[in-house]
Amino acid sequence: MAPSDANRRGPARPWPPTCETGARGERAAAEYLRAAGYEICAMNWRQGRYELDIVARKAGLLHVVEVKTRRRGSLTPPEAAITSRKFRALHRATSCYLQTTGEEAEVQFDLAAVEMAPDGTTEVRLIEHAMEYNW
């Protein structure tokens, strides 16, 4: 490679692309849940326009886990990414999931807040009952 080619590329990026950051966060959240005794039923479940990050089971409950990943030092923490609009979308996706799979368990909405350091290490915080809905 000619020296001029290297200059056009710019400096190496310390962070992976956003989609890769999200995928790493979801994998870290799934590992965290497994270690905490959850059975992972589905990851990245999709049906039409609906999507659920993680569906897991523990103690007779079906946990719908929304994963929010941020780079350490971001202006907003992962917990701030859950809005009422996002929760309505999760509720619709969960209804579709239950109809599609025939599940009849009680559902709990949780949040896995994942922060990623520049070296790729992650910190996962599970916030149970992050979103409430009265079925």
Protein backbone atom coordinates (compact mmCIF):
# COMPACT_ATOMS: atom_id res chain seq x y z
CA MET A 1 0.00 0.00 0.00
CA ALA A 2 1.36 3.39 -0.95
CA PRO A 3 1.82 5.96 1.84
CA SER A 4 -0.83 8.16 0.23
CA ASP A 5 -3.40 5.30 0.51
CA ALA A 6 -2.82 5.02 4.25
CA ASN A 7 -3.45 8.74 4.68
CA ARG A 8 -6.80 8.53 2.92
CA ARG A 9 -8.11 5.96 5.36
CA GLY A 10 -7.58 8.11 8.42
CA PRO A 11 -6.80 6.80 11.89
CA ALA A 12 -7.95 3.37 13.02
CA ARG A 13 -11.34 3.45 14.69
CA PRO A 14 -11.18 2.51 18.38
CA TRP A 15 -14.84 1.44 18.41
CA PRO A 16 -16.61 -1.16 16.31
CA PRO A 17 -19.48 -0.05 14.06
CA THR A 18 -22.79 0.59 15.86
CA CYS A 19 -24.42 -2.62 14.61
CA GLU A 20 -21.47 -4.66 15.87
CA THR A 21 -21.61 -2.87 19.23
CA GLY A 22 -25.28 -3.81 19.52
CA ALA A 23 -24.64 -7.44 18.62
CA ARG A 24 -21.82 -7.66 21.18
CA GLY A 25 -24.13 -6.16 23.78
CA GLU A 26 -26.83 -8.72 23.04
CA ARG A 27 -24.33 -11.58 23.31
CA ALA A 28 -23.03 -10.20 26.63
CA ALA A 29 -26.59 -9.85 27.94
CA ALA A 30 -27.43 -13.44 26.93
CA GLU A 31 -24.30 -14.75 28.67
CA TYR A 32 -25.20 -12.75 31.78
CA LEU A 33 -28.74 -14.15 31.79
CA ARG A 34 -27.55 -17.75 31.32
CA ALA A 35 -25.11 -17.35 34.21
CA ALA A 36 -27.98 -16.02 36.33
CA GLY A 37 -30.08 -19.14 35.64
CA TYR A 38 -32.26 -17.95 32.77
CA GLU A 39 -33.10 -20.24 29.87
CA ILE A 40 -32.79 -18.35 26.58
CA CYS A 41 -35.87 -19.12 24.47
CA ALA A 42 -35.16 -16.74 21.59
CA MET A 43 -32.63 -14.13 20.52
CA ASN A 44 -33.36 -11.51 17.89
CA TRP A 45 -36.82 -12.96 17.32
CA ARG A 46 -38.47 -11.35 14.31
CA GLN A 47 -41.88 -11.63 12.77
CA GLY A 48 -42.69 -9.08 10.09
CA ARG A 49 -41.99 -5.66 11.58
CA TYR A 50 -41.79 -7.00 15.13
CA GLU A 51 -38.54 -7.74 16.94
CA LEU A 52 -37.57 -8.89 20.42
CA ASP A 53 -33.92 -8.85 21.52
CA ILE A 54 -34.06 -11.70 24.06
CA VAL A 55 -36.88 -13.87 25.32
CA ALA A 56 -35.90 -15.92 28.36
CA ARG A 57 -37.57 -18.08 30.99
CA LYS A 58 -36.90 -18.23 34.71
CA ALA A 59 -39.04 -19.27 37.67
CA GLY A 60 -42.16 -19.72 35.57
CA LEU A 61 -41.98 -16.23 34.04
CA LEU A 62 -41.32 -15.32 30.45
CA HIS A 63 -38.86 -12.41 30.44
CA VAL A 64 -38.83 -10.10 27.44
CA VAL A 65 -35.43 -8.44 27.70
CA GLU A 66 -34.71 -5.29 25.74
CA VAL A 67 -30.96 -4.83 25.34
CA LYS A 68 -29.55 -1.32 25.13
CA THR A 69 -25.82 -1.03 24.55
CA ARG A 70 -23.80 2.15 24.83
CA ARG A 71 -20.13 2.88 24.66
CA ARG A 72 -18.67 3.71 28.05
CA GLY A 73 -18.60 7.48 28.47
CA SER A 74 -21.60 8.12 26.20
CA LEU A 75 -23.69 11.18 26.94
CA THR A 76 -26.72 9.07 27.84
CA PRO A 77 -26.75 5.79 29.75
CA PRO A 78 -28.41 2.74 28.19
CA GLU A 79 -31.28 3.02 30.67
CA ALA A 80 -32.33 6.36 29.14
CA ALA A 81 -33.08 4.71 25.78
CA ILE A 82 -36.39 3.16 26.86
CA THR A 83 -39.29 5.38 25.89
CA SER A 84 -43.04 4.89 26.05
CA ARG A 85 -43.02 4.52 22.26
CA LYS A 86 -40.41 1.74 22.47
CA PHE A 87 -42.43 0.02 25.19
CA ARG A 88 -45.58 0.09 23.04
CA ALA A 89 -43.58 -1.51 20.22
CA LEU A 90 -42.26 -4.18 22.63
CA HIS A 91 -45.79 -4.87 23.83
CA ARG A 92 -47.05 -5.38 20.26
CA ALA A 93 -44.06 -7.61 19.42
CA THR A 94 -44.60 -9.64 22.61
CA SER A 95 -48.29 -10.15 21.77
CA CYS A 96 -47.24 -11.41 18.34
CA TYR A 97 -44.59 -13.68 19.90
CA LEU A 98 -47.12 -15.19 22.30
CA GLN A 99 -49.63 -15.81 19.49
CA THR A 100 -46.97 -17.27 17.18
CA THR A 101 -45.39 -19.59 19.74
CA GLY A 102 -48.50 -20.48 21.73
CA GLU A 103 -46.77 -19.43 24.99
CA GLU A 104 -49.13 -18.81 27.87
CA ALA A 105 -46.71 -17.78 30.62
CA GLU A 106 -46.85 -14.57 32.61
CA VAL A 107 -44.64 -11.93 30.97
CA GLN A 108 -42.17 -9.56 32.59
CA PHE A 109 -40.42 -6.75 30.70
CA ASP A 110 -36.78 -6.27 31.69
CA LEU A 111 -33.90 -4.15 30.45
CA ALA A 112 -30.31 -5.27 30.00
CA ALA A 113 -28.20 -2.11 30.10
CA VAL A 114 -24.81 -2.87 28.59
CA GLU A 115 -21.81 -0.56 28.59
CA MET A 116 -18.84 -1.39 26.41
CA ALA A 117 -15.29 -0.25 27.12
CA PRO A 118 -12.82 0.58 24.33
CA ASP A 119 -11.02 -2.73 24.96
CA GLY A 120 -14.26 -4.64 24.24
CA THR A 121 -15.08 -5.60 27.82
CA THR A 122 -18.69 -5.19 28.83
CA GLU A 123 -20.65 -4.41 31.97
CA VAL A 124 -24.23 -5.72 32.09
CA ARG A 125 -26.88 -4.37 34.45
CA LEU A 126 -30.22 -6.21 34.50
CA ILE A 127 -33.15 -4.01 35.48
CA GLU A 128 -36.11 -6.25 36.17
CA HIS A 129 -39.62 -4.83 35.73
CA ALA A 130 -38.08 -1.98 33.74
CA MET A 131 -41.38 -1.55 31.96
CA GLU A 132 -44.73 -2.31 33.54
CA TYR A 133 -47.84 -3.38 31.71
CA ASN A 134 -51.07 -4.61 33.16
CA TRP A 135 -52.08 -7.49 30.92
